[in-house]
Amino acid sequence: MSICPRCQTAFTCAMADQTGQPCWCTALPPIALSSLPDGKLNADASCFCAQCLPQWKAEREALRDQANDADPAIQLP
C-alpha cells in the first residue's frame, strides 16, 4: 500500500506497489514538468491518492494561470 503525502490515506498505486497492472493515474492527462515545483520531479516523490492528485493538479494550474495573468509577457506552460 502507498500513503498519500497530502491526506495520509492508504491507497493502491499500481506502479509503486508493483501490482503488474497499469495505475489509475496513467489515464489522466500528463502534466508538464515545468509545472512541478522547481520544474523537476523529485526522485523521492510519492504518489497522491485519487482524490488529492486532481486537487494538486488544479492548484498547480491555478498558480500557472495567476502567473500568466500577472505578466502576459511571461507565459508558463
Foldseek 3Di string as FASTA:
>chain_A
DFAAPPPRDDDDACVVVVVVDHGPCVVPDDDQLCLDVVSHDDPPDGDHDPVVVVVVVVVSVVVQVVVCVVPVVDHDD
